[in-house]
Amino acid sequence: MNLTTASVENVEYMIEKIKEKLKVLNLGAIKPSHFDENMYEELKEIYELVMKKNSFSPNEMQALAEELGNLRKQ
């Protein structure tokens, strides 16, 4: 997947991969439609961080959830 360009498809892909990696239980809480291309670079940074790590502490999970919440459309 080429994530160098901001697109709806890339946003959807990254959100789905983040949810898989973090094992998000409430799948409705994070939907690709909650994000737009304006926050693409920030979302990509979170995606890259999540993909690099094998496990997350509860504090890290909370921080990631908060960051994703901050990126949501208003």
N, C-alpha and C. Protein backbone atom coordinates (compact mmCIF):
# COMPACT_ATOMS: atom_id res chain seq x y z
N MET A 1 0.84 -1.18 0.00
CA MET A 1 0.00 0.00 0.00
C MET A 1 0.89 1.24 0.00
N ASN A 2 0.63 2.15 -0.91
CA ASN A 2 1.40 3.39 -1.00
C ASN A 2 0.69 4.46 -0.17
N LEU A 3 1.29 4.80 0.93
CA LEU A 3 0.67 5.77 1.85
C LEU A 3 1.27 7.17 1.72
N THR A 4 1.98 7.42 0.63
CA THR A 4 2.63 8.72 0.48
C THR A 4 1.65 9.82 0.09
N THR A 5 0.50 9.47 -0.45
CA THR A 5 -0.47 10.49 -0.83
C THR A 5 -1.71 10.41 0.05
N ALA A 6 -2.23 11.56 0.38
CA ALA A 6 -3.44 11.63 1.21
C ALA A 6 -4.64 11.27 0.35
N SER A 7 -5.37 10.25 0.78
CA SER A 7 -6.59 9.86 0.08
C SER A 7 -7.54 9.22 1.08
N VAL A 8 -8.80 9.19 0.73
CA VAL A 8 -9.80 8.55 1.58
C VAL A 8 -9.46 7.08 1.77
N GLU A 9 -9.02 6.43 0.70
CA GLU A 9 -8.67 5.01 0.77
C GLU A 9 -7.53 4.77 1.74
N ASN A 10 -6.52 5.64 1.71
CA ASN A 10 -5.38 5.47 2.61
C ASN A 10 -5.79 5.72 4.06
N VAL A 11 -6.66 6.69 4.29
CA VAL A 11 -7.17 6.95 5.65
C VAL A 11 -7.91 5.70 6.14
N GLU A 12 -8.77 5.14 5.31
CA GLU A 12 -9.52 3.94 5.69
C GLU A 12 -8.57 2.79 6.00
N TYR A 13 -7.57 2.59 5.16
CA TYR A 13 -6.60 1.51 5.35
C TYR A 13 -5.87 1.67 6.69
N MET A 14 -5.36 2.87 6.96
CA MET A 14 -4.59 3.09 8.19
C MET A 14 -5.47 2.91 9.43
N ILE A 15 -6.69 3.41 9.41
CA ILE A 15 -7.58 3.26 10.55
C ILE A 15 -7.87 1.78 10.80
N GLU A 16 -8.15 1.03 9.76
CA GLU A 16 -8.43 -0.40 9.93
C GLU A 16 -7.23 -1.14 10.49
N LYS A 17 -6.04 -0.82 10.01
CA LYS A 17 -4.82 -1.47 10.50
C LYS A 17 -4.54 -1.10 11.96
N ILE A 18 -4.77 0.16 12.32
CA ILE A 18 -4.58 0.59 13.71
C ILE A 18 -5.55 -0.18 14.61
N LYS A 19 -6.81 -0.29 14.19
CA LYS A 19 -7.80 -1.01 14.99
C LYS A 19 -7.41 -2.47 15.16
N GLU A 20 -6.92 -3.10 14.10
CA GLU A 20 -6.49 -4.50 14.18
C GLU A 20 -5.33 -4.65 15.16
N LYS A 21 -4.34 -3.80 15.03
CA LYS A 21 -3.13 -3.91 15.85
C LYS A 21 -3.43 -3.63 17.32
N LEU A 22 -4.30 -2.65 17.58
CA LEU A 22 -4.62 -2.31 18.96
C LEU A 22 -5.71 -3.20 19.54
N LYS A 23 -6.29 -4.04 18.70
CA LYS A 23 -7.37 -4.94 19.13
C LYS A 23 -8.50 -4.13 19.76
N VAL A 24 -8.94 -3.12 19.04
CA VAL A 24 -10.01 -2.26 19.52
C VAL A 24 -11.28 -3.08 19.67
N LEU A 25 -11.82 -3.09 20.88
CA LEU A 25 -13.02 -3.88 21.15
C LEU A 25 -14.28 -3.18 20.66
N ASN A 26 -14.35 -1.89 20.87
CA ASN A 26 -15.51 -1.13 20.42
C ASN A 26 -15.22 -0.61 19.01
N LEU A 27 -15.46 -1.46 18.01
CA LEU A 27 -15.09 -1.13 16.65
C LEU A 27 -15.83 0.09 16.12
N GLY A 28 -17.00 0.38 16.68
CA GLY A 28 -17.74 1.55 16.25
C GLY A 28 -17.15 2.86 16.75
N ALA A 29 -16.26 2.77 17.74
CA ALA A 29 -15.67 3.97 18.31
C ALA A 29 -14.70 4.65 17.35
N ILE A 30 -14.07 3.86 16.51
CA ILE A 30 -13.11 4.40 15.55
C ILE A 30 -13.53 3.96 14.16
N LYS A 31 -14.02 4.90 13.39
CA LYS A 31 -14.45 4.62 12.03
C LYS A 31 -13.67 5.50 11.07
N PRO A 32 -13.33 4.97 9.91
CA PRO A 32 -12.63 5.80 8.92
C PRO A 32 -13.39 7.08 8.57
N SER A 33 -14.71 7.05 8.64
CA SER A 33 -15.50 8.23 8.30
C SER A 33 -15.35 9.35 9.34
N HIS A 34 -14.76 9.04 10.48
CA HIS A 34 -14.52 10.05 11.51
C HIS A 34 -13.31 10.93 11.19
N PHE A 35 -12.56 10.55 10.17
CA PHE A 35 -11.31 11.23 9.85
C PHE A 35 -11.35 11.74 8.41
N ASP A 36 -10.62 12.81 8.15
CA ASP A 36 -10.53 13.28 6.78
C ASP A 36 -9.07 13.51 6.41
N GLU A 37 -8.88 13.87 5.16
CA GLU A 37 -7.52 14.00 4.63
C GLU A 37 -6.76 15.19 5.22
N ASN A 38 -7.44 16.13 5.87
CA ASN A 38 -6.76 17.27 6.46
C ASN A 38 -5.80 16.86 7.57
N MET A 39 -6.09 15.77 8.23
CA MET A 39 -5.25 15.29 9.33
C MET A 39 -4.40 14.09 8.89
N TYR A 40 -4.17 13.97 7.61
CA TYR A 40 -3.50 12.79 7.06
C TYR A 40 -2.11 12.56 7.66
N GLU A 41 -1.30 13.60 7.71
CA GLU A 41 0.08 13.42 8.20
C GLU A 41 0.09 12.99 9.66
N GLU A 42 -0.77 13.57 10.48
CA GLU A 42 -0.84 13.19 11.88
C GLU A 42 -1.30 11.75 12.03
N LEU A 43 -2.30 11.38 11.24
CA LEU A 43 -2.79 10.01 11.28
C LEU A 43 -1.72 9.03 10.81
N LYS A 44 -0.97 9.41 9.81
CA LYS A 44 0.10 8.55 9.30
C LYS A 44 1.18 8.35 10.36
N GLU A 45 1.49 9.40 11.13
CA GLU A 45 2.48 9.27 12.20
C GLU A 45 2.01 8.26 13.25
N ILE A 46 0.73 8.34 13.63
CA ILE A 46 0.18 7.39 14.59
C ILE A 46 0.22 5.99 14.01
N TYR A 47 -0.17 5.85 12.76
CA TYR A 47 -0.15 4.54 12.08
C TYR A 47 1.26 3.94 12.12
N GLU A 48 2.27 4.73 11.75
CA GLU A 48 3.65 4.23 11.72
C GLU A 48 4.12 3.82 13.11
N LEU A 49 3.77 4.60 14.13
CA LEU A 49 4.13 4.26 15.50
C LEU A 49 3.50 2.94 15.92
N VAL A 50 2.21 2.80 15.65
CA VAL A 50 1.48 1.59 16.04
C VAL A 50 2.05 0.36 15.32
N MET A 51 2.38 0.50 14.05
CA MET A 51 2.87 -0.64 13.29
C MET A 51 4.27 -1.08 13.74
N LYS A 52 5.05 -0.18 14.33
CA LYS A 52 6.41 -0.50 14.77
C LYS A 52 6.43 -1.34 16.05
N LYS A 53 5.42 -1.15 16.90
CA LYS A 53 5.43 -1.79 18.21
C LYS A 53 4.66 -3.11 18.21
N ASN A 54 5.11 -4.01 19.07
CA ASN A 54 4.44 -5.31 19.19
C ASN A 54 3.37 -5.32 20.28
N SER A 55 3.56 -4.49 21.29
CA SER A 55 2.59 -4.45 22.38
C SER A 55 2.53 -3.03 22.94
N PHE A 56 1.45 -2.77 23.67
CA PHE A 56 1.21 -1.44 24.21
C PHE A 56 0.78 -1.53 25.65
N SER A 57 1.29 -0.62 26.46
CA SER A 57 0.87 -0.56 27.86
C SER A 57 -0.52 0.10 27.90
N PRO A 58 -1.23 -0.06 29.01
CA PRO A 58 -2.53 0.62 29.12
C PRO A 58 -2.41 2.14 28.94
N ASN A 59 -1.34 2.73 29.46
CA ASN A 59 -1.15 4.17 29.29
C ASN A 59 -0.94 4.55 27.83
N GLU A 60 -0.19 3.72 27.11
CA GLU A 60 0.02 3.98 25.69
C GLU A 60 -1.29 3.85 24.91
N MET A 61 -2.08 2.85 25.26
CA MET A 61 -3.38 2.66 24.60
C MET A 61 -4.26 3.89 24.83
N GLN A 62 -4.27 4.38 26.05
CA GLN A 62 -5.07 5.57 26.39
C GLN A 62 -4.58 6.78 25.60
N ALA A 63 -3.28 6.95 25.53
CA ALA A 63 -2.71 8.09 24.80
C ALA A 63 -3.04 8.01 23.31
N LEU A 64 -2.96 6.83 22.75
CA LEU A 64 -3.30 6.66 21.33
C LEU A 64 -4.78 6.94 21.08
N ALA A 65 -5.62 6.45 21.97
CA ALA A 65 -7.06 6.70 21.83
C ALA A 65 -7.35 8.20 21.91
N GLU A 66 -6.67 8.89 22.81
CA GLU A 66 -6.87 10.33 22.94
C GLU A 66 -6.40 11.06 21.69
N GLU A 67 -5.25 10.66 21.15
CA GLU A 67 -4.74 11.30 19.94
C GLU A 67 -5.68 11.07 18.76
N LEU A 68 -6.18 9.86 18.62
CA LEU A 68 -7.15 9.59 17.55
C LEU A 68 -8.41 10.43 17.76
N GLY A 69 -8.82 10.57 19.00
CA GLY A 69 -9.98 11.40 19.30
C GLY A 69 -9.75 12.85 18.92
N ASN A 70 -8.53 13.34 19.13
CA ASN A 70 -8.20 14.72 18.78
C ASN A 70 -8.21 14.95 17.27
N LEU A 71 -7.97 13.89 16.50
CA LEU A 71 -7.92 14.02 15.04
C LEU A 71 -9.29 13.88 14.38
N ARG A 72 -10.27 13.46 15.15
CA ARG A 72 -11.61 13.27 14.56
C ARG A 72 -12.17 14.57 14.02
N LYS A 73 -13.01 14.43 13.00
CA LYS A 73 -13.70 15.59 12.43
C LYS A 73 -14.55 16.25 13.51
N GLN A 74 -14.66 17.54 13.40
CA GLN A 74 -15.48 18.28 14.37
C GLN A 74 -16.93 18.24 14.00
